[in-house]
PDB file of N, CA and C in Angstrom:
ATOM      1  N   UNK A   1     -17.844  99.913-112.615  1.00  0.00           N
ATOM      2  CA  UNK A   1     -16.774  98.603-112.211  1.00  0.00           C
ATOM      3  C   UNK A   1     -16.554  98.365-111.012  1.00  0.00           C
ATOM      4  N   UNK A   2     -16.198  99.374-110.544  1.00  0.00           N
ATOM      5  CA  UNK A   2     -16.212  99.240-108.644  1.00  0.00           C
ATOM      6  C   UNK A   2     -17.148  98.468-108.134  1.00  0.00           C
ATOM      7  N   UNK A   3     -18.509  98.819-108.475  1.00  0.00           N
ATOM      8  CA  UNK A   3     -19.596  98.407-107.789  1.00  0.00           C
ATOM      9  C   UNK A   3     -19.950  97.042-108.148  1.00  0.00           C
ATOM     10  N   UNK A   4     -19.425  96.596-109.337  1.00  0.00           N
ATOM     11  CA  UNK A   4     -19.662  95.400-109.698  1.00  0.00           C
ATOM     12  C   UNK A   4     -18.635  94.362-109.191  1.00  0.00           C
ATOM     13  N   UNK A   5     -17.235  94.962-108.811  1.00  0.00           N
ATOM     14  CA  UNK A   5     -16.344  94.312-107.999  1.00  0.00           C
ATOM     15  C   UNK A   5     -16.550  93.886-106.512  1.00  0.00           C
ATOM     16  N   UNK A   6     -17.241  94.938-105.871  1.00  0.00           N
ATOM     17  CA  UNK A   6     -17.926  94.900-104.358  1.00  0.00           C
ATOM     18  C   UNK A   6     -18.899  93.787-104.740  1.00  0.00           C
ATOM     19  N   UNK A   7     -19.486  93.870-105.537  1.00  0.00           N
ATOM     20  CA  UNK A   7     -20.789  92.921-105.442  1.00  0.00           C
ATOM     21  C   UNK A   7     -20.036  91.678-105.461  1.00  0.00           C
ATOM     22  N   UNK A   8     -19.149  91.194-106.577  1.00  0.00           N
ATOM     23  CA  UNK A   8     -18.515  90.088-106.769  1.00  0.00           C
ATOM     24  C   UNK A   8     -17.757  89.649-105.084  1.00  0.00           C
ATOM     25  N   UNK A   9     -17.237  90.579-104.490  1.00  0.00           N
ATOM     26  CA  UNK A   9     -16.422  90.320-103.335  1.00  0.00           C
ATOM     27  C   UNK A   9     -17.536  89.742-102.328  1.00  0.00           C
ATOM     28  N   UNK A  10     -18.521  90.341-102.247  1.00  0.00           N
ATOM     29  CA  UNK A  10     -19.525  89.757-101.213  1.00  0.00           C
ATOM     30  C   UNK A  10     -20.345  88.297-101.734  1.00  0.00           C
ATOM     31  N   UNK A  11     -20.346  88.290-102.966  1.00  0.00           N
ATOM     32  CA  UNK A  11     -20.760  86.846-103.365  1.00  0.00           C
ATOM     33  C   UNK A  11     -19.579  86.019-103.246  1.00  0.00           C
ATOM     34  N   UNK A  12     -18.551  86.450-103.349  1.00  0.00           N
ATOM     35  CA  UNK A  12     -17.471  85.334-103.318  1.00  0.00           C
ATOM     36  C   UNK A  12     -17.284  85.326-101.580  1.00  0.00           C
ATOM     37  N   UNK A  13     -17.548  86.023-100.803  1.00  0.00           N
ATOM     38  CA  UNK A  13     -17.581  85.626 -99.329  1.00  0.00           C
ATOM     39  C   UNK A  13     -18.720  85.038 -98.929  1.00  0.00           C
ATOM     40  N   UNK A  14     -19.581  84.909 -99.471  1.00  0.00           N
ATOM     41  CA  UNK A  14     -20.881  84.183 -99.347  1.00  0.00           C
ATOM     42  C   UNK A  14     -20.646  82.555 -99.787  1.00  0.00           C
ATOM     43  N   UNK A  15     -19.902  82.548-100.534  1.00  0.00           N
ATOM     44  CA  UNK A  15     -19.536  81.301-101.400  1.00  0.00           C
ATOM     45  C   UNK A  15     -18.530  80.652-100.529  1.00  0.00           C
ATOM     46  N   UNK A  16     -17.643  81.095 -99.995  1.00  0.00           N
ATOM     47  CA  UNK A  16     -16.427  80.903 -98.925  1.00  0.00           C
ATOM     48  C   UNK A  16     -17.335  80.201 -97.663  1.00  0.00           C
ATOM     49  N   UNK A  17     -18.102  81.016 -97.484  1.00  0.00           N
ATOM     50  CA  UNK A  17     -18.710  80.507 -96.154  1.00  0.00           C
ATOM     51  C   UNK A  17     -19.660  79.195 -96.522  1.00  0.00           C
ATOM     52  N   UNK A  18     -20.029  79.022 -97.530  1.00  0.00           N
ATOM     53  CA  UNK A  18     -20.630  77.611 -97.994  1.00  0.00           C
ATOM     54  C   UNK A  18     -19.630  76.750 -97.981  1.00  0.00           C
ATOM     55  N   UNK A  19     -18.467  77.167 -98.221  1.00  0.00           N
ATOM     56  CA  UNK A  19     -17.255  76.001 -98.143  1.00  0.00           C
ATOM     57  C   UNK A  19     -17.055  75.758 -96.616  1.00  0.00           C
ATOM     58  N   UNK A  20     -16.998  76.866 -95.697  1.00  0.00           N
ATOM     59  CA  UNK A  20     -16.791  76.648 -94.375  1.00  0.00           C
ATOM     60  C   UNK A  20     -17.720  75.486 -93.896  1.00  0.00           C
ATOM     61  N   UNK A  21     -19.212  76.058 -94.080  1.00  0.00           N
ATOM     62  CA  UNK A  21     -20.180  75.273 -93.460  1.00  0.00           C
ATOM     63  C   UNK A  21     -20.198  73.774 -94.085  1.00  0.00           C
ATOM     64  N   UNK A  22     -19.638  73.497 -95.389  1.00  0.00           N
ATOM     65  CA  UNK A  22     -19.664  72.117 -95.839  1.00  0.00           C
ATOM     66  C   UNK A  22     -18.619  71.606 -95.309  1.00  0.00           C
ATOM     67  N   UNK A  23     -17.562  72.278 -94.968  1.00  0.00           N
ATOM     68  CA  UNK A  23     -16.323  71.385 -94.063  1.00  0.00           C
ATOM     69  C   UNK A  23     -16.811  71.133 -92.395  1.00  0.00           C
ATOM     70  N   UNK A  24     -17.298  72.167 -91.873  1.00  0.00           N
ATOM     71  CA  UNK A  24     -17.577  71.607 -90.595  1.00  0.00           C
ATOM     72  C   UNK A  24     -18.838  70.691 -90.527  1.00  0.00           C
ATOM     73  N   UNK A  25     -19.818  70.551 -91.731  1.00  0.00           N
ATOM     74  CA  UNK A  25     -20.770  69.460 -91.466  1.00  0.00           C
ATOM     75  C   UNK A  25     -19.858  68.047 -91.721  1.00  0.00           C
ATOM     76  N   UNK A  26     -19.066  68.184 -92.503  1.00  0.00           N
ATOM     77  CA  UNK A  26     -18.303  66.919 -92.808  1.00  0.00           C
ATOM     78  C   UNK A  26     -17.450  66.570 -91.554  1.00  0.00           C
ATOM     79  N   UNK A  27     -16.967  67.334 -90.953  1.00  0.00           N
ATOM     80  CA  UNK A  27     -16.340  66.830 -89.491  1.00  0.00           C
ATOM     81  C   UNK A  27     -17.433  66.316 -88.339  1.00  0.00           C
ATOM     82  N   UNK A  28     -18.656  66.722 -88.823  1.00  0.00           N
ATOM     83  CA  UNK A  28     -19.761  66.401 -87.902  1.00  0.00           C
ATOM     84  C   UNK A  28     -20.083  64.960 -88.231  1.00  0.00           C
ATOM     85  N   UNK A  29     -19.943  64.935 -89.626  1.00  0.00           N
ATOM     86  CA  UNK A  29     -20.522  63.421 -90.011  1.00  0.00           C
ATOM     87  C   UNK A  29     -19.354  62.335 -89.614  1.00  0.00           C
ATOM     88  N   UNK A  30     -18.215  62.879 -89.976  1.00  0.00           N
ATOM     89  CA  UNK A  30     -17.186  62.000 -89.405  1.00  0.00           C
ATOM     90  C   UNK A  30     -17.143  61.802 -88.104  1.00  0.00           C
ATOM     91  N   UNK A  31     -17.589  62.615 -86.968  1.00  0.00           N
ATOM     92  CA  UNK A  31     -17.660  62.240 -85.745  1.00  0.00           C
ATOM     93  C   UNK A  31     -18.897  61.338 -85.254  1.00  0.00           C
ATOM     94  N   UNK A  32     -19.895  61.397 -86.253  1.00  0.00           N
ATOM     95  CA  UNK A  32     -21.024  60.513 -86.157  1.00  0.00           C
ATOM     96  C   UNK A  32     -20.520  59.103 -86.600  1.00  0.00           C
ATOM     97  N   UNK A  33     -19.811  59.125 -87.524  1.00  0.00           N
ATOM     98  CA  UNK A  33     -19.295  57.754 -88.284  1.00  0.00           C
ATOM     99  C   UNK A  33     -18.532  56.947 -87.027  1.00  0.00           C
ATOM    100  N   UNK A  34     -17.580  57.879 -86.291  1.00  0.00           N
ATOM    101  CA  UNK A  34     -16.459  57.303 -85.281  1.00  0.00           C
ATOM    102  C   UNK A  34     -17.337  56.944 -84.137  1.00  0.00           C
ATOM    103  N   UNK A  35     -18.121  57.773 -83.625  1.00  0.00           N
ATOM    104  CA  UNK A  35     -19.200  57.213 -82.414  1.00  0.00           C
ATOM    105  C   UNK A  35     -19.639  56.004 -82.787  1.00  0.00           C
ATOM    106  N   UNK A  36     -20.430  56.007 -84.071  1.00  0.00           N
ATOM    107  CA  UNK A  36     -21.332  55.068 -83.933  1.00  0.00           C
ATOM    108  C   UNK A  36     -20.736  53.536 -84.292  1.00  0.00           C
ATOM    109  N   UNK A  37     -19.212  53.754 -84.854  1.00  0.00           N
ATOM    110  CA  UNK A  37     -18.588  52.683 -85.243  1.00  0.00           C
ATOM    111  C   UNK A  37     -17.852  52.047 -84.063  1.00  0.00           C
ATOM    112  N   UNK A  38     -17.847  52.754 -83.344  1.00  0.00           N
ATOM    113  CA  UNK A  38     -16.931  52.398 -81.886  1.00  0.00           C
ATOM    114  C   UNK A  38     -18.218  51.741 -81.155  1.00  0.00           C
ATOM    115  N   UNK A  39     -19.325  52.275 -81.026  1.00  0.00           N
ATOM    116  CA  UNK A  39     -20.643  51.203 -80.611  1.00  0.00           C
ATOM    117  C   UNK A  39     -20.710  49.953 -81.028  1.00  0.00           C
ATOM    118  N   UNK A  40     -20.913  49.995 -82.377  1.00  0.00           N
ATOM    119  CA  UNK A  40     -21.227  48.851 -83.211  1.00  0.00           C
ATOM    120  C   UNK A  40     -20.095  47.683 -82.767  1.00  0.00           C
ATOM    121  N   UNK A  41     -18.634  48.224 -82.710  1.00  0.00           N
ATOM    122  CA  UNK A  41     -17.509  47.391 -82.436  1.00  0.00           C
ATOM    123  C   UNK A  41     -17.615  46.713 -81.174  1.00  0.00           C
ATOM    124  N   UNK A  42     -18.653  47.594 -80.374  1.00  0.00           N
ATOM    125  CA  UNK A  42     -18.795  46.718 -78.842  1.00  0.00           C
ATOM    126  C   UNK A  42     -19.706  45.594 -79.028  1.00  0.00           C
ATOM    127  N   UNK A  43     -20.582  45.803 -79.810  1.00  0.00           N
ATOM    128  CA  UNK A  43     -21.589  44.871 -80.121  1.00  0.00           C
ATOM    129  C   UNK A  43     -21.235  43.742 -81.072  1.00  0.00           C
ATOM    130  N   UNK A  44     -20.688  43.974 -82.176  1.00  0.00           N
ATOM    131  CA  UNK A  44     -20.381  43.093 -83.458  1.00  0.00           C
ATOM    132  C   UNK A  44     -18.871  43.157 -83.637  1.00  0.00           C
ATOM    133  N   UNK A  45     -17.835  43.046 -82.770  1.00  0.00           N
ATOM    134  CA  UNK A  45     -16.179  43.095 -82.933  1.00  0.00           C
ATOM    135  C   UNK A  45     -15.664  42.562 -84.370  1.00  0.00           C
ATOM    136  N   UNK A  46     -16.390  41.433 -84.948  1.00  0.00           N
ATOM    137  CA  UNK A  46     -15.525  41.012 -85.982  1.00  0.00           C
ATOM    138  C   UNK A  46     -15.944  41.467 -87.174  1.00  0.00           C
ATOM    139  N   UNK A  47     -17.045  42.283 -87.175  1.00  0.00           N
ATOM    140  CA  UNK A  47     -17.746  42.670 -88.171  1.00  0.00           C
ATOM    141  C   UNK A  47     -16.753  44.170 -89.313  1.00  0.00           C
ATOM    142  N   UNK A  48     -17.050  43.986 -90.497  1.00  0.00           N
ATOM    143  CA  UNK A  48     -16.045  45.173 -91.278  1.00  0.00           C
ATOM    144  C   UNK A  48     -17.474  46.271 -91.369  1.00  0.00           C
ATOM    145  N   UNK A  49     -17.289  47.438 -91.052  1.00  0.00           N
ATOM    146  CA  UNK A  49     -18.214  48.213 -90.623  1.00  0.00           C
ATOM    147  C   UNK A  49     -18.281  49.461 -91.449  1.00  0.00           C
ATOM    148  N   UNK A  50     -17.241  49.122 -92.650  1.00  0.00           N
ATOM    149  CA  UNK A  50     -17.124  50.106 -94.024  1.00  0.00           C
ATOM    150  C   UNK A  50     -17.894  49.727 -95.017  1.00  0.00           C
ATOM    151  N   UNK A  51     -18.119  48.590 -95.160  1.00  0.00           N
ATOM    152  CA  UNK A  51     -18.933  48.020 -96.227  1.00  0.00           C
ATOM    153  C   UNK A  51     -20.450  48.412 -96.261  1.00  0.00           C
ATOM    154  N   UNK A  52     -21.064  48.855 -97.212  1.00  0.00           N
ATOM    155  CA  UNK A  52     -22.534  49.288 -97.274  1.00  0.00           C
ATOM    156  C   UNK A  52     -23.537  48.020 -97.140  1.00  0.00           C
ATOM    157  N   UNK A  53     -23.083  47.088 -97.814  1.00  0.00           N
ATOM    158  CA  UNK A  53     -23.895  45.850 -97.566  1.00  0.00           C
ATOM    159  C   UNK A  53     -23.973  45.455 -96.353  1.00  0.00           C
ATOM    160  N   UNK A  54     -22.803  45.306 -95.637  1.00  0.00           N
ATOM    161  CA  UNK A  54     -22.860  44.704 -94.238  1.00  0.00           C
ATOM    162  C   UNK A  54     -23.422  45.422 -93.120  1.00  0.00           C
ATOM    163  N   UNK A  55     -23.644  46.899 -93.501  1.00  0.00           N
ATOM    164  CA  UNK A  55     -24.238  48.078 -92.470  1.00  0.00           C
ATOM    165  C   UNK A  55     -25.541  47.786 -92.946  1.00  0.00           C
ATOM    166  N   UNK A  56     -25.985  47.856 -94.355  1.00  0.00           N
ATOM    167  CA  UNK A  56     -27.509  47.293 -94.178  1.00  0.00           C
ATOM    168  C   UNK A  56     -27.989  46.259 -93.391  1.00  0.00           C
ATOM    169  N   UNK A  57     -27.115  45.288 -93.640  1.00  0.00           N
ATOM    170  CA  UNK A  57     -27.635  43.738 -92.936  1.00  0.00           C
ATOM    171  C   UNK A  57     -27.836  43.929 -91.554  1.00  0.00           C
ATOM    172  N   UNK A  58     -26.602  44.649 -91.086  1.00  0.00           N
ATOM    173  CA  UNK A  58     -26.545  44.888 -89.240  1.00  0.00           C
ATOM    174  C   UNK A  58     -27.837  45.921 -89.021  1.00  0.00           C
ATOM    175  N   UNK A  59     -28.122  46.785 -89.779  1.00  0.00           N
ATOM    176  CA  UNK A  59     -29.102  47.645 -89.439  1.00  0.00           C
ATOM    177  C   UNK A  59     -30.542  46.969 -89.389  1.00  0.00           C
ATOM    178  N   UNK A  60     -30.779  45.920 -90.469  1.00  0.00           N
ATOM    179  CA  UNK A  60     -31.899  44.860 -90.378  1.00  0.00           C
ATOM    180  C   UNK A  60     -32.002  44.216 -89.008  1.00  0.00           C
ATOM    181  N   UNK A  61     -31.046  43.644 -88.479  1.00  0.00           N
ATOM    182  CA  UNK A  61     -30.865  42.924 -87.384  1.00  0.00           C
ATOM    183  C   UNK A  61     -30.941  43.934 -86.035  1.00  0.00           C
ATOM    184  N   UNK A  62     -30.385  44.907 -86.144  1.00  0.00           N
ATOM    185  CA  UNK A  62     -30.456  45.924 -84.865  1.00  0.00           C
ATOM    186  C   UNK A  62     -32.034  46.362 -84.695  1.00  0.00           C
ATOM    187  N   UNK A  63     -32.766  46.654 -85.996  1.00  0.00           N
ATOM    188  CA  UNK A  63     -33.855  47.379 -85.814  1.00  0.00           C
ATOM    189  C   UNK A  63     -34.965  46.144 -84.825  1.00  0.00           C
ATOM    190  N   UNK A  64     -34.415  44.887 -84.806  1.00  0.00           N
ATOM    191  CA  UNK A  64     -35.425  43.915 -84.144  1.00  0.00           C
ATOM    192  C   UNK A  64     -34.861  43.621 -83.138  1.00  0.00           C
ATOM    193  N   UNK A  65     -33.358  43.383 -82.885  1.00  0.00           N
ATOM    194  CA  UNK A  65     -33.138  42.664 -81.917  1.00  0.00           C
ATOM    195  C   UNK A  65     -31.820  43.859 -80.713  1.00  0.00           C
ATOM    196  N   UNK A  66     -31.737  44.884 -81.298  1.00  0.00           N
ATOM    197  CA  UNK A  66     -31.001  45.820 -80.497  1.00  0.00           C
ATOM    198  C   UNK A  66     -31.613  46.358 -79.201  1.00  0.00           C
ATOM    199  N   UNK A  67     -30.785  46.688 -78.371  1.00  0.00           N
ATOM    200  CA  UNK A  67     -31.512  47.282 -76.917  1.00  0.00           C
ATOM    201  C   UNK A  67     -31.797  48.836 -77.366  1.00  0.00           C
ATOM    202  N   UNK A  68     -32.869  49.218 -76.607  1.00  0.00           N
ATOM    203  CA  UNK A  68     -33.380  50.878 -77.053  1.00  0.00           C
ATOM    204  C   UNK A  68     -32.083  51.612 -76.958  1.00  0.00           C
ATOM    205  N   UNK A  69     -31.868  52.657 -77.861  1.00  0.00           N
ATOM    206  CA  UNK A  69     -31.174  53.728 -78.172  1.00  0.00           C
ATOM    207  C   UNK A  69     -29.816  52.917 -79.412  1.00  0.00           C
ATOM    208  N   UNK A  70     -29.715  51.826 -79.642  1.00  0.00           N
ATOM    209  CA  UNK A  70     -28.828  51.192 -80.308  1.00  0.00           C
ATOM    210  C   UNK A  70     -29.560  50.798 -81.544  1.00  0.00           C
ATOM    211  N   UNK A  71     -30.779  51.252 -81.738  1.00  0.00           N
ATOM    212  CA  UNK A  71     -31.086  50.667 -83.197  1.00  0.00           C
ATOM    213  C   UNK A  71     -30.859  51.417 -84.178  1.00  0.00           C
ATOM    214  N   UNK A  72     -30.744  52.539 -84.231  1.00  0.00           N
ATOM    215  CA  UNK A  72     -30.353  53.559 -85.426  1.00  0.00           C
ATOM    216  C   UNK A  72     -28.647  53.724 -85.470  1.00  0.00           C
ATOM    217  N   UNK A  73     -27.849  52.491 -84.880  1.00  0.00           N
ATOM    218  CA  UNK A  73     -26.513  53.013 -84.901  1.00  0.00           C
ATOM    219  C   UNK A  73     -25.972  52.810 -86.550  1.00  0.00           C
ATOM    220  N   UNK A  74     -26.398  51.660 -87.233  1.00  0.00           N
ATOM    221  CA  UNK A  74     -25.953  51.179 -88.522  1.00  0.00           C
ATOM    222  C   UNK A  74     -26.526  52.281 -89.526  1.00  0.00           C
ATOM    223  N   UNK A  75     -27.859  52.535 -89.099  1.00  0.00           N
ATOM    224  CA  UNK A  75     -28.561  53.623 -90.332  1.00  0.00           C
ATOM    225  C   UNK A  75     -28.029  54.978 -90.241  1.00  0.00           C
ATOM    226  N   UNK A  76     -27.449  55.516 -89.130  1.00  0.00           N
ATOM    227  CA  UNK A  76     -26.754  56.638 -88.906  1.00  0.00           C
ATOM    228  C   UNK A  76     -25.407  57.060 -89.505  1.00  0.00           C
ATOM    229  N   UNK A  77     -24.918  55.703 -89.371  1.00  0.00           N
ATOM    230  CA  UNK A  77     -23.577  55.437 -90.304  1.00  0.00           C
ATOM    231  C   UNK A  77     -23.648  55.877 -91.563  1.00  0.00           C
ATOM    232  N   UNK A  78     -24.733  54.854 -92.414  1.00  0.00           N
ATOM    233  CA  UNK A  78     -24.844  54.886 -93.678  1.00  0.00           C
ATOM    234  C   UNK A  78     -25.173  56.381 -94.233  1.00  0.00           C
ATOM    235  N   UNK A  79     -26.064  57.175 -93.210  1.00  0.00           N
ATOM    236  CA  UNK A  79     -26.288  58.540 -93.750  1.00  0.00           C
ATOM    237  C   UNK A  79     -25.506  59.269 -93.455  1.00  0.00           C
ATOM    238  N   UNK A  80     -24.836  59.437 -92.587  1.00  0.00           N
ATOM    239  CA  UNK A  80     -23.363  60.036 -92.603  1.00  0.00           C
ATOM    240  C   UNK A  80     -22.472  59.985 -93.586  1.00  0.00           C
ATOM    241  N   UNK A  81     -22.479  58.632 -94.181  1.00  0.00           N
ATOM    242  CA  UNK A  81     -21.180  58.409 -95.407  1.00  0.00           C
ATOM    243  C   UNK A  81     -21.793  59.341 -96.349  1.00  0.00           C
ATOM    244  N   UNK A  82     -23.443  59.113 -96.789  1.00  0.00           N
ATOM    245  CA  UNK A  82     -23.972  59.801 -97.987  1.00  0.00           C
ATOM    246  C   UNK A  82     -23.747  61.259 -97.575  1.00  0.00           C
ATOM    247  N   UNK A  83     -23.951  61.742 -96.667  1.00  0.00           N
ATOM    248  CA  UNK A  83     -23.928  63.366 -96.213  1.00  0.00           C
ATOM    249  C   UNK A  83     -22.489  63.929 -96.321  1.00  0.00           C
ATOM    250  N   UNK A  84     -21.330  62.845 -96.126  1.00  0.00           N
ATOM    251  CA  UNK A  84     -20.111  63.363 -96.116  1.00  0.00           C
ATOM    252  C   UNK A  84     -20.099  63.731 -97.973  1.00  0.00           C
ATOM    253  N   UNK A  85     -20.295  62.961 -98.759  1.00  0.00           N
ATOM    254  CA  UNK A  85     -19.964  63.056-100.014  1.00  0.00           C
ATOM    255  C   UNK A  85     -20.700  64.689-100.378  1.00  0.00           C
ATOM    256  N   UNK A  86     -21.931  64.708-100.016  1.00  0.00           N
ATOM    257  CA  UNK A  86     -22.777  65.779-100.365  1.00  0.00           C
ATOM    258  C   UNK A  86     -21.717  66.989 -99.784  1.00  0.00           C
ATOM    259  N   UNK A  87     -21.333  66.986 -98.566  1.00  0.00           N
ATOM    260  CA  UNK A  87     -20.514  68.119 -98.004  1.00  0.00           C
ATOM    261  C   UNK A  87     -19.213  68.326 -98.745  1.00  0.00           C
ATOM    262  N   UNK A  88     -18.465  67.339 -99.082  1.00  0.00           N
ATOM    263  CA  UNK A  88     -17.337  67.356 -99.598  1.00  0.00           C
ATOM    264  C   UNK A  88     -17.541  68.228-101.072  1.00  0.00           C
ATOM    265  N   UNK A  89     -18.496  67.938-101.757  1.00  0.00           N
ATOM    266  CA  UNK A  89     -18.840  68.808-103.077  1.00  0.00           C
ATOM    267  C   UNK A  89     -19.176  70.100-102.486  1.00  0.00           C
ATOM    268  N   UNK A  90     -20.191  70.504-101.565  1.00  0.00           N
ATOM    269  CA  UNK A  90     -20.378  71.684-101.195  1.00  0.00           C
ATOM    270  C   UNK A  90     -19.039  72.389-100.626  1.00  0.00           C
ATOM    271  N   UNK A  91     -18.110  71.841 -99.970  1.00  0.00           N
ATOM    272  CA  UNK A  91     -16.953  72.424 -99.343  1.00  0.00           C
ATOM    273  C   UNK A  91     -16.023  72.818-100.769  1.00  0.00           C
ATOM    274  N   UNK A  92     -15.894  71.775-101.601  1.00  0.00           N
ATOM    275  CA  UNK A  92     -15.132  72.278-102.732  1.00  0.00           C
ATOM    276  C   UNK A  92     -15.484  73.254-103.899  1.00  0.00           C
ATOM    277  N   UNK A  93     -16.893  73.176-104.096  1.00  0.00           N
ATOM    278  CA  UNK A  93     -17.581  74.364-104.726  1.00  0.00           C
ATOM    279  C   UNK A  93     -17.366  75.636-104.103  1.00  0.00           C
ATOM    280  N   UNK A  94     -17.992  75.450-102.886  1.00  0.00           N
ATOM    281  CA  UNK A  94     -18.011  76.690-102.100  1.00  0.00           C
ATOM    282  C   UNK A  94     -16.504  77.747-102.080  1.00  0.00           C
ATOM    283  N   UNK A  95     -15.621  76.771-101.415  1.00  0.00           N
ATOM    284  CA  UNK A  95     -14.023  77.216-101.420  1.00  0.00           C
ATOM    285  C   UNK A  95     -13.374  77.698-103.209  1.00  0.00           C
ATOM    286  N   UNK A  96     -13.765  76.738-104.106  1.00  0.00           N
ATOM    287  CA  UNK A  96     -13.270  77.190-105.392  1.00  0.00           C
ATOM    288  C   UNK A  96     -14.133  78.537-106.117  1.00  0.00           C
ATOM    289  N   UNK A  97     -15.284  78.441-105.831  1.00  0.00           N
ATOM    290  CA  UNK A  97     -16.258  79.541-106.309  1.00  0.00           C
ATOM    291  C   UNK A  97     -15.987  80.884-105.574  1.00  0.00           C
ATOM    292  N   UNK A  98     -15.798  80.746-104.350  1.00  0.00           N
ATOM    293  CA  UNK A  98     -15.797  81.964-103.499  1.00  0.00           C
ATOM    294  C   UNK A  98     -14.210  82.544-103.452  1.00  0.00           C
ATOM    295  N   UNK A  99     -13.192  81.535-104.020  1.00  0.00           N
ATOM    296  CA  UNK A  99     -11.984  82.381-104.145  1.00  0.00           C
ATOM    297  C   UNK A  99     -12.110  82.923-105.629  1.00  0.00           C
ATOM    298  N   UNK A 100     -12.426  82.061-106.549  1.00  0.00           N
ATOM    299  CA  UNK A 100     -12.544  82.776-107.906  1.00  0.00           C
ATOM    300  C   UNK A 100     -13.402  83.859-107.834  1.00  0.00           C
ATOM    301  N   UNK A 101     -14.382  84.245-107.131  1.00  0.00           N
ATOM    302  CA  UNK A 101     -15.209  85.570-106.916  1.00  0.00           C
ATOM    303  C   UNK A 101     -14.376  86.330-106.454  1.00  0.00           C
ATOM    304  N   UNK A 102     -13.968  86.208-105.152  1.00  0.00           N
ATOM    305  CA  UNK A 102     -13.102  87.247-104.696  1.00  0.00           C
ATOM    306  C   UNK A 102     -12.009  87.716-105.298  1.00  0.00           C
ATOM    307  N   UNK A 103     -11.225  86.959-105.942  1.00  0.00           N
ATOM    308  CA  UNK A 103     -10.125  87.375-107.017  1.00  0.00           C
ATOM    309  C   UNK A 103     -10.867  88.393-107.812  1.00  0.00           C
ATOM    310  N   UNK A 104     -11.514  88.111-108.697  1.00  0.00           N
ATOM    311  CA  UNK A 104     -12.099  88.836-109.665  1.00  0.00           C
ATOM    312  C   UNK A 104     -12.826  90.226-109.174  1.00  0.00           C
ATOM    313  N   UNK A 105     -13.817  90.135-108.010  1.00  0.00           N
ATOM    314  CA  UNK A 105     -14.279  91.074-107.170  1.00  0.00           C
ATOM    315  C   UNK A 105     -13.022  91.901-106.846  1.00  0.00           C
ATOM    316  N   UNK A 106     -11.970  91.445-106.418  1.00  0.00           N
ATOM    317  CA  UNK A 106     -10.823  92.778-105.753  1.00  0.00           C
ATOM    318  C   UNK A 106     -10.348  93.184-107.104  1.00  0.00           C
ATOM    319  N   UNK A 107     -10.044  92.597-107.967  1.00  0.00           N
ATOM    320  CA  UNK A 107      -9.350  92.963-109.349  1.00  0.00           C
ATOM    321  C   UNK A 107     -10.215  94.047-109.761  1.00  0.00           C
ATOM    322  N   UNK A 108     -11.594  93.722-110.151  1.00  0.00           N
ATOM    323  CA  UNK A 108     -12.411  94.915-110.608  1.00  0.00           C
ATOM    324  C   UNK A 108     -12.625  96.223-109.805  1.00  0.00           C
ATOM    325  N   UNK A 109     -12.701  96.049-108.363  1.00  0.00           N
ATOM    326  CA  UNK A 109     -12.645  96.848-107.432  1.00  0.00           C
ATOM    327  C   UNK A 109     -11.527  97.923-107.493  1.00  0.00           C
ATOM    328  N   UNK A 110     -10.469  97.315-107.478  1.00  0.00           N
ATOM    329  CA  UNK A 110      -8.974  97.848-107.592  1.00  0.00           C
ATOM    330  C   UNK A 110      -8.855  98.573-109.016  1.00  0.00           C
ATOM    331  N   UNK A 111      -9.252  97.796-109.913  1.00  0.00           N
ATOM    332  CA  UNK A 111      -9.028  98.394-111.531  1.00  0.00           C
ATOM    333  C   UNK A 111     -10.197  99.494-111.807  1.00  0.00           C
ATOM    334  N   UNK A 112     -11.437  99.508-111.196  1.00  0.00           N
ATOM    335  CA  UNK A 112     -12.248 100.689-110.927  1.00  0.00           C
ATOM    336  C   UNK A 112     -12.101 101.879-110.291  1.00  0.00           C
ATOM    337  N   UNK A 113     -11.209 101.545-109.011  1.00  0.00           N
ATOM    338  CA  UNK A 113     -10.704 102.679-108.212  1.00  0.00           C
ATOM    339  C   UNK A 113      -9.785 103.501-108.855  1.00  0.00           C
ATOM    340  N   UNK A 114      -8.779 102.574-109.717  1.00  0.00           N
ATOM    341  CA  UNK A 114      -7.540 103.362-110.274  1.00  0.00           C
ATOM    342  C   UNK A 114      -8.137 103.978-111.589  1.00  0.00           C
ATOM    343  N   UNK A 115      -9.198 103.630-112.140  1.00  0.00           N
ATOM    344  CA  UNK A 115      -9.842 104.390-113.419  1.00  0.00           C
ATOM    345  C   UNK A 115     -10.451 105.647-113.053  1.00  0.00           C
ATOM    346  N   UNK A 116     -10.718 105.560-111.861  1.00  0.00           N
ATOM    347  CA  UNK A 116     -11.604 106.897-111.265  1.00  0.00           C
ATOM    348  C   UNK A 116     -10.576 108.126-111.096  1.00  0.00           C
ATOM    349  N   UNK A 117      -9.497 107.528-110.286  1.00  0.00           N
ATOM    350  CA  UNK A 117      -8.371 108.630-110.182  1.00  0.00           C
ATOM    351  C   UNK A 117      -7.740 109.082-111.157  1.00  0.00           C
ATOM    352  N   UNK A 118      -7.877 108.024-112.093  1.00  0.00           N
ATOM    353  CA  UNK A 118      -6.973 108.711-113.391  1.00  0.00           C
ATOM    354  C   UNK A 118      -7.911 109.668-114.163  1.00  0.00           C
ATOM    355  N   UNK A 119      -9.312 109.227-114.096  1.00  0.00           N
ATOM    356  CA  UNK A 119     -10.168 110.319-114.935  1.00  0.00           C
ATOM    357  C   UNK A 119     -10.269 111.796-114.082  1.00  0.00           C
ATOM    358  N   UNK A 120      -9.771 111.725-112.769  1.00  0.00           N
ATOM    359  CA  UNK A 120     -10.113 112.903-111.835  1.00  0.00           C
ATOM    360  C   UNK A 120      -8.891 113.844-112.143  1.00  0.00           C
ATOM    361  N   UNK A 121      -7.667 113.143-112.515  1.00  0.00           N
ATOM    362  CA  UNK A 121      -6.649 113.794-112.543  1.00  0.00           C
ATOM    363  C   UNK A 121      -6.347 114.393-114.031  1.00  0.00           C
ATOM    364  N   UNK A 122      -7.239 114.051-114.889  1.00  0.00           N
ATOM    365  CA  UNK A 122      -7.452 114.704-116.275  1.00  0.00           C
ATOM    366  C   UNK A 122      -8.152 115.749-116.372  1.00  0.00           C
TER     367      UNK A 122
END
């Protein structure tokens, strides 16, 4: 029972690590969106840069007419938007599963340890 508890603690820590990774990637994606939106605002100040249809249209125009280094700004925003959704799920599942596995692992390790002490006293 104690070994199973320790195993679940290790798995819980791994899942919590996945949650941290998802959170850090979400922040990196948000930084990409903020940076590229600021750059696009310099080129196209009147456009709404949160609408997917608008970003796709801007991407098509930028592919043909943008200066070098600015051709993928809208596409990078679209990619980051999709990645934020994926990383949100990874963060939520990682923290949820990690917390649950840690709790169960700690309980099993503690109960397994107390059972051994009770058997030793008998």
